[in-house]
């Protein structure tokens, strides 16, 4: 009985996947993700150029007592 053997055991590390292990579906999925990121970035850039979108809601004119 050793005092250091309590608690959960750490999971074994798995080997890294090589680039050659990817099949056609994985390659297509990665391409789709990259295109989606590009499209989102373009939309964000356009939104920044346009200025503020909303009016900020109802504006109050002066203080009422």
PDB file of N, CA and C in Angstrom:
ATOM      1  N   UNK A   1       0.830  -1.187   0.000  1.00  0.00           N
ATOM      2  CA  UNK A   1       0.000   0.000   0.000  1.00  0.00           C
ATOM      3  C   UNK A   1       0.874   1.249   0.000  1.00  0.00           C
ATOM      4  N   UNK A   2       0.880   1.947  -1.105  1.00  0.00           N
ATOM      5  CA  UNK A   2       1.625   3.199  -1.150  1.00  0.00           C
ATOM      6  C   UNK A   2       0.656   4.356  -0.951  1.00  0.00           C
ATOM      7  N   UNK A   3       1.108   5.406  -0.339  1.00  0.00           N
ATOM      8  CA  UNK A   3       0.269   6.546  -0.032  1.00  0.00           C
ATOM      9  C   UNK A   3      -0.042   7.428  -1.228  1.00  0.00           C
ATOM     10  N   UNK A   4       0.644   7.240  -2.352  1.00  0.00           N
ATOM     11  CA  UNK A   4       0.487   8.106  -3.519  1.00  0.00           C
ATOM     12  C   UNK A   4      -0.525   7.572  -4.522  1.00  0.00           C
ATOM     13  N   UNK A   5      -1.243   6.504  -4.218  1.00  0.00           N
ATOM     14  CA  UNK A   5      -2.038   5.830  -5.235  1.00  0.00           C
ATOM     15  C   UNK A   5      -3.537   6.125  -5.117  1.00  0.00           C
ATOM     16  N   UNK A   6      -3.939   7.225  -4.528  1.00  0.00           N
ATOM     17  CA  UNK A   6      -5.353   7.531  -4.404  1.00  0.00           C
ATOM     18  C   UNK A   6      -5.838   8.405  -5.548  1.00  0.00           C
ATOM     19  N   UNK A   7      -7.157   8.539  -5.665  1.00  0.00           N
ATOM     20  CA  UNK A   7      -7.737   9.426  -6.662  1.00  0.00           C
ATOM     21  C   UNK A   7      -7.893   8.779  -8.020  1.00  0.00           C
ATOM     22  N   UNK A   8      -8.281   9.626  -8.989  1.00  0.00           N
ATOM     23  CA  UNK A   8      -8.521   9.127 -10.348  1.00  0.00           C
ATOM     24  C   UNK A   8      -7.207   8.958 -11.098  1.00  0.00           C
ATOM     25  N   UNK A   9      -7.191   8.004 -11.991  1.00  0.00           N
ATOM     26  CA  UNK A   9      -6.024   7.810 -12.835  1.00  0.00           C
ATOM     27  C   UNK A   9      -6.120   8.728 -14.036  1.00  0.00           C
ATOM     28  N   UNK A  10      -5.005   9.229 -14.501  1.00  0.00           N
ATOM     29  CA  UNK A  10      -4.992  10.092 -15.677  1.00  0.00           C
ATOM     30  C   UNK A  10      -5.203   9.238 -16.925  1.00  0.00           C
ATOM     31  N   UNK A  11      -5.966   9.748 -17.904  1.00  0.00           N
ATOM     32  CA  UNK A  11      -6.155   8.989 -19.143  1.00  0.00           C
ATOM     33  C   UNK A  11      -4.862   8.928 -19.953  1.00  0.00           C
ATOM     34  N   UNK A  12      -4.712   7.855 -20.690  1.00  0.00           N
ATOM     35  CA  UNK A  12      -3.524   7.700 -21.518  1.00  0.00           C
ATOM     36  C   UNK A  12      -3.595   8.655 -22.697  1.00  0.00           C
ATOM     37  N   UNK A  13      -2.457   9.205 -23.070  1.00  0.00           N
ATOM     38  CA  UNK A  13      -2.416  10.116 -24.208  1.00  0.00           C
ATOM     39  C   UNK A  13      -2.516   9.313 -25.499  1.00  0.00           C
ATOM     40  N   UNK A  14      -3.299   9.860 -26.448  1.00  0.00           N
ATOM     41  CA  UNK A  14      -3.425   9.212 -27.747  1.00  0.00           C
ATOM     42  C   UNK A  14      -2.513   9.908 -28.743  1.00  0.00           C
ATOM     43  N   UNK A  15      -2.052   9.161 -29.722  1.00  0.00           N
ATOM     44  CA  UNK A  15      -1.185   9.713 -30.740  1.00  0.00           C
ATOM     45  C   UNK A  15      -1.904  10.742 -31.598  1.00  0.00           C
ATOM     46  N   UNK A  16      -1.159  11.716 -32.102  1.00  0.00           N
ATOM     47  CA  UNK A  16      -1.740  12.752 -32.935  1.00  0.00           C
ATOM     48  C   UNK A  16      -2.089  12.184 -34.307  1.00  0.00           C
ATOM     49  N   UNK A  17      -3.180  12.728 -34.890  1.00  0.00           N
ATOM     50  CA  UNK A  17      -3.563  12.302 -36.233  1.00  0.00           C
ATOM     51  C   UNK A  17      -2.641  12.955 -37.246  1.00  0.00           C
ATOM     52  N   UNK A  18      -2.303  12.222 -38.247  1.00  0.00           N
ATOM     53  CA  UNK A  18      -1.494  12.778 -39.318  1.00  0.00           C
ATOM     54  C   UNK A  18      -2.419  13.375 -40.368  1.00  0.00           C
ATOM     55  N   UNK A  19      -1.895  14.272 -41.174  1.00  0.00           N
ATOM     56  CA  UNK A  19      -2.692  14.919 -42.219  1.00  0.00           C
ATOM     57  C   UNK A  19      -3.167  13.894 -43.249  1.00  0.00           C
ATOM     58  N   UNK A  20      -2.398  12.832 -43.439  1.00  0.00           N
ATOM     59  CA  UNK A  20      -2.752  11.831 -44.431  1.00  0.00           C
ATOM     60  C   UNK A  20      -3.912  10.943 -43.959  1.00  0.00           C
ATOM     61  N   UNK A  21      -4.233  10.984 -42.656  1.00  0.00           N
ATOM     62  CA  UNK A  21      -5.320  10.172 -42.137  1.00  0.00           C
ATOM     63  C   UNK A  21      -6.699  10.752 -42.454  1.00  0.00           C
ATOM     64  N   UNK A  22      -6.752  12.002 -42.948  1.00  0.00           N
ATOM     65  CA  UNK A  22      -8.032  12.636 -43.242  1.00  0.00           C
ATOM     66  C   UNK A  22      -8.634  12.046 -44.514  1.00  0.00           C
ATOM     67  N   UNK A  23      -9.933  11.793 -44.471  1.00  0.00           N
ATOM     68  CA  UNK A  23     -10.581  11.315 -45.676  1.00  0.00           C
ATOM     69  C   UNK A  23     -11.259  12.489 -46.382  1.00  0.00           C
ATOM     70  N   UNK A  24     -11.952  12.211 -47.479  1.00  0.00           N
ATOM     71  CA  UNK A  24     -12.534  13.273 -48.306  1.00  0.00           C
ATOM     72  C   UNK A  24     -13.577  14.075 -47.546  1.00  0.00           C
ATOM     73  N   UNK A  25     -14.359  13.421 -46.703  1.00  0.00           N
ATOM     74  CA  UNK A  25     -15.400  14.116 -45.945  1.00  0.00           C
ATOM     75  C   UNK A  25     -14.779  15.142 -44.993  1.00  0.00           C
ATOM     76  N   UNK A  26     -13.671  14.787 -44.355  1.00  0.00           N
ATOM     77  CA  UNK A  26     -13.002  15.716 -43.447  1.00  0.00           C
ATOM     78  C   UNK A  26     -12.456  16.929 -44.199  1.00  0.00           C
ATOM     79  N   UNK A  27     -11.887  16.692 -45.367  1.00  0.00           N
ATOM     80  CA  UNK A  27     -11.327  17.781 -46.160  1.00  0.00           C
ATOM     81  C   UNK A  27     -12.439  18.740 -46.586  1.00  0.00           C
ATOM     82  N   UNK A  28     -13.574  18.198 -47.028  1.00  0.00           N
ATOM     83  CA  UNK A  28     -14.694  19.033 -47.443  1.00  0.00           C
ATOM     84  C   UNK A  28     -15.242  19.824 -46.261  1.00  0.00           C
ATOM     85  N   UNK A  29     -15.328  19.197 -45.106  1.00  0.00           N
ATOM     86  CA  UNK A  29     -15.831  19.863 -43.908  1.00  0.00           C
ATOM     87  C   UNK A  29     -14.941  21.044 -43.526  1.00  0.00           C
ATOM     88  N   UNK A  30     -13.626  20.849 -43.592  1.00  0.00           N
ATOM     89  CA  UNK A  30     -12.700  21.923 -43.265  1.00  0.00           C
ATOM     90  C   UNK A  30     -12.817  23.076 -44.256  1.00  0.00           C
ATOM     91  N   UNK A  31     -13.003  22.754 -45.536  1.00  0.00           N
ATOM     92  CA  UNK A  31     -13.176  23.799 -46.548  1.00  0.00           C
ATOM     93  C   UNK A  31     -14.436  24.601 -46.270  1.00  0.00           C
ATOM     94  N   UNK A  32     -15.515  23.911 -45.906  1.00  0.00           N
ATOM     95  CA  UNK A  32     -16.774  24.595 -45.596  1.00  0.00           C
ATOM     96  C   UNK A  32     -16.593  25.529 -44.411  1.00  0.00           C
ATOM     97  N   UNK A  33     -15.891  25.068 -43.385  1.00  0.00           N
ATOM     98  CA  UNK A  33     -15.664  25.894 -42.205  1.00  0.00           C
ATOM     99  C   UNK A  33     -14.866  27.144 -42.559  1.00  0.00           C
ATOM    100  N   UNK A  34     -13.845  27.006 -43.379  1.00  0.00           N
ATOM    101  CA  UNK A  34     -13.027  28.149 -43.760  1.00  0.00           C
ATOM    102  C   UNK A  34     -13.851  29.152 -44.562  1.00  0.00           C
ATOM    103  N   UNK A  35     -14.692  28.669 -45.482  1.00  0.00           N
ATOM    104  CA  UNK A  35     -15.530  29.559 -46.269  1.00  0.00           C
ATOM    105  C   UNK A  35     -16.533  30.281 -45.378  1.00  0.00           C
ATOM    106  N   UNK A  36     -17.090  29.578 -44.405  1.00  0.00           N
ATOM    107  CA  UNK A  36     -18.050  30.174 -43.481  1.00  0.00           C
ATOM    108  C   UNK A  36     -17.373  31.280 -42.669  1.00  0.00           C
ATOM    109  N   UNK A  37     -16.149  31.039 -42.208  1.00  0.00           N
ATOM    110  CA  UNK A  37     -15.424  32.047 -41.439  1.00  0.00           C
ATOM    111  C   UNK A  37     -15.140  33.274 -42.284  1.00  0.00           C
ATOM    112  N   UNK A  38     -14.764  33.081 -43.546  1.00  0.00           N
ATOM    113  CA  UNK A  38     -14.503  34.207 -44.440  1.00  0.00           C
ATOM    114  C   UNK A  38     -15.767  35.028 -44.639  1.00  0.00           C
ATOM    115  N   UNK A  39     -16.893  34.344 -44.839  1.00  0.00           N
ATOM    116  CA  UNK A  39     -18.166  35.022 -45.084  1.00  0.00           C
ATOM    117  C   UNK A  39     -18.582  35.829 -43.849  1.00  0.00           C
ATOM    118  N   UNK A  40     -18.426  35.240 -42.656  1.00  0.00           N
ATOM    119  CA  UNK A  40     -18.771  35.946 -41.432  1.00  0.00           C
ATOM    120  C   UNK A  40     -17.882  37.174 -41.220  1.00  0.00           C
ATOM    121  N   UNK A  41     -16.612  37.038 -41.555  1.00  0.00           N
ATOM    122  CA  UNK A  41     -15.695  38.163 -41.405  1.00  0.00           C
ATOM    123  C   UNK A  41     -16.090  39.300 -42.342  1.00  0.00           C
ATOM    124  N   UNK A  42     -16.467  38.968 -43.576  1.00  0.00           N
ATOM    125  CA  UNK A  42     -16.893  39.993 -44.528  1.00  0.00           C
ATOM    126  C   UNK A  42     -18.143  40.700 -44.028  1.00  0.00           C
ATOM    127  N   UNK A  43     -19.095  39.945 -43.482  1.00  0.00           N
ATOM    128  CA  UNK A  43     -20.315  40.544 -42.967  1.00  0.00           C
ATOM    129  C   UNK A  43     -20.020  41.468 -41.786  1.00  0.00           C
ATOM    130  N   UNK A  44     -19.106  41.070 -40.931  1.00  0.00           N
ATOM    131  CA  UNK A  44     -18.739  41.911 -39.789  1.00  0.00           C
ATOM    132  C   UNK A  44     -18.091  43.206 -40.267  1.00  0.00           C
ATOM    133  N   UNK A  45     -17.235  43.115 -41.277  1.00  0.00           N
ATOM    134  CA  UNK A  45     -16.585  44.311 -41.815  1.00  0.00           C
ATOM    135  C   UNK A  45     -17.619  45.265 -42.411  1.00  0.00           C
ATOM    136  N   UNK A  46     -18.596  44.719 -43.118  1.00  0.00           N
ATOM    137  CA  UNK A  46     -19.656  45.556 -43.698  1.00  0.00           C
ATOM    138  C   UNK A  46     -20.469  46.234 -42.608  1.00  0.00           C
ATOM    139  N   UNK A  47     -20.750  45.514 -41.538  1.00  0.00           N
ATOM    140  CA  UNK A  47     -21.541  46.070 -40.445  1.00  0.00           C
ATOM    141  C   UNK A  47     -20.786  47.209 -39.760  1.00  0.00           C
ATOM    142  N   UNK A  48     -19.486  47.100 -39.650  1.00  0.00           N
ATOM    143  CA  UNK A  48     -18.686  48.152 -39.023  1.00  0.00           C
ATOM    144  C   UNK A  48     -18.704  49.426 -39.867  1.00  0.00           C
ATOM    145  N   UNK A  49     -18.730  49.287 -41.178  1.00  0.00           N
ATOM    146  CA  UNK A  49     -18.711  50.439 -42.058  1.00  0.00           C
ATOM    147  C   UNK A  49     -20.033  51.195 -42.022  1.00  0.00           C
ATOM    148  N   UNK A  50     -21.129  50.501 -41.794  1.00  0.00           N
ATOM    149  CA  UNK A  50     -22.451  51.105 -41.857  1.00  0.00           C
ATOM    150  C   UNK A  50     -22.774  52.014 -40.696  1.00  0.00           C
ATOM    151  N   UNK A  51     -22.114  51.902 -39.589  1.00  0.00           N
ATOM    152  CA  UNK A  51     -22.413  52.733 -38.438  1.00  0.00           C
ATOM    153  C   UNK A  51     -23.403  52.059 -37.514  1.00  0.00           C
ATOM    154  N   UNK A  52     -23.996  52.828 -36.612  1.00  0.00           N
ATOM    155  CA  UNK A  52     -24.932  52.231 -35.654  1.00  0.00           C
ATOM    156  C   UNK A  52     -26.209  51.758 -36.332  1.00  0.00           C
ATOM    157  N   UNK A  53     -26.696  50.625 -35.890  1.00  0.00           N
ATOM    158  CA  UNK A  53     -27.889  50.046 -36.504  1.00  0.00           C
ATOM    159  C   UNK A  53     -29.169  50.555 -35.856  1.00  0.00           C
ATOM    160  N   UNK A  54     -29.253  50.494 -34.550  1.00  0.00           N
ATOM    161  CA  UNK A  54     -30.485  50.845 -33.855  1.00  0.00           C
ATOM    162  C   UNK A  54     -30.522  52.300 -33.448  1.00  0.00           C
ATOM    163  N   UNK A  55     -31.708  52.792 -33.146  1.00  0.00           N
ATOM    164  CA  UNK A  55     -31.868  54.162 -32.704  1.00  0.00           C
ATOM    165  C   UNK A  55     -31.716  54.311 -31.211  1.00  0.00           C
ATOM    166  N   UNK A  56     -31.652  53.222 -30.489  1.00  0.00           N
ATOM    167  CA  UNK A  56     -31.467  53.292 -29.047  1.00  0.00           C
ATOM    168  C   UNK A  56     -32.763  53.292 -28.272  1.00  0.00           C
ATOM    169  N   UNK A  57     -33.886  53.056 -28.924  1.00  0.00           N
ATOM    170  CA  UNK A  57     -35.155  52.975 -28.208  1.00  0.00           C
ATOM    171  C   UNK A  57     -35.852  54.315 -28.109  1.00  0.00           C
ATOM    172  N   UNK A  58     -36.727  54.466 -27.112  1.00  0.00           N
ATOM    173  CA  UNK A  58     -37.507  55.687 -26.929  1.00  0.00           C
ATOM    174  C   UNK A  58     -36.649  56.733 -26.230  1.00  0.00           C
ATOM    175  N   UNK A  59     -36.624  57.920 -26.818  1.00  0.00           N
ATOM    176  CA  UNK A  59     -35.845  58.999 -26.224  1.00  0.00           C
ATOM    177  C   UNK A  59     -36.757  59.844 -25.348  1.00  0.00           C
ATOM    178  N   UNK A  60     -36.264  60.225 -24.215  1.00  0.00           N
ATOM    179  CA  UNK A  60     -37.021  61.060 -23.305  1.00  0.00           C
ATOM    180  C   UNK A  60     -36.624  62.515 -23.510  1.00  0.00           C
ATOM    181  N   UNK A  61     -37.610  63.371 -23.536  1.00  0.00           N
ATOM    182  CA  UNK A  61     -37.318  64.795 -23.714  1.00  0.00           C
ATOM    183  C   UNK A  61     -37.490  65.522 -22.397  1.00  0.00           C
ATOM    184  N   UNK A  62     -36.424  65.833 -21.747  1.00  0.00           N
ATOM    185  CA  UNK A  62     -36.471  66.569 -20.495  1.00  0.00           C
ATOM    186  C   UNK A  62     -36.908  65.693 -19.318  1.00  0.00           C
ATOM    187  N   UNK A  63     -36.848  66.288 -18.144  1.00  0.00           N
ATOM    188  CA  UNK A  63     -37.253  65.541 -16.950  1.00  0.00           C
ATOM    189  C   UNK A  63     -38.626  66.014 -16.505  1.00  0.00           C
ATOM    190  N   UNK A  64     -39.450  65.070 -16.122  1.00  0.00           N
ATOM    191  CA  UNK A  64     -40.795  65.391 -15.666  1.00  0.00           C
ATOM    192  C   UNK A  64     -40.877  65.127 -14.167  1.00  0.00           C
ATOM    193  N   UNK A  65     -41.528  66.065 -13.449  1.00  0.00           N
ATOM    194  CA  UNK A  65     -41.646  65.898 -11.998  1.00  0.00           C
ATOM    195  C   UNK A  65     -43.056  65.630 -11.595  1.00  0.00           C
TER     196      UNK A  65
END
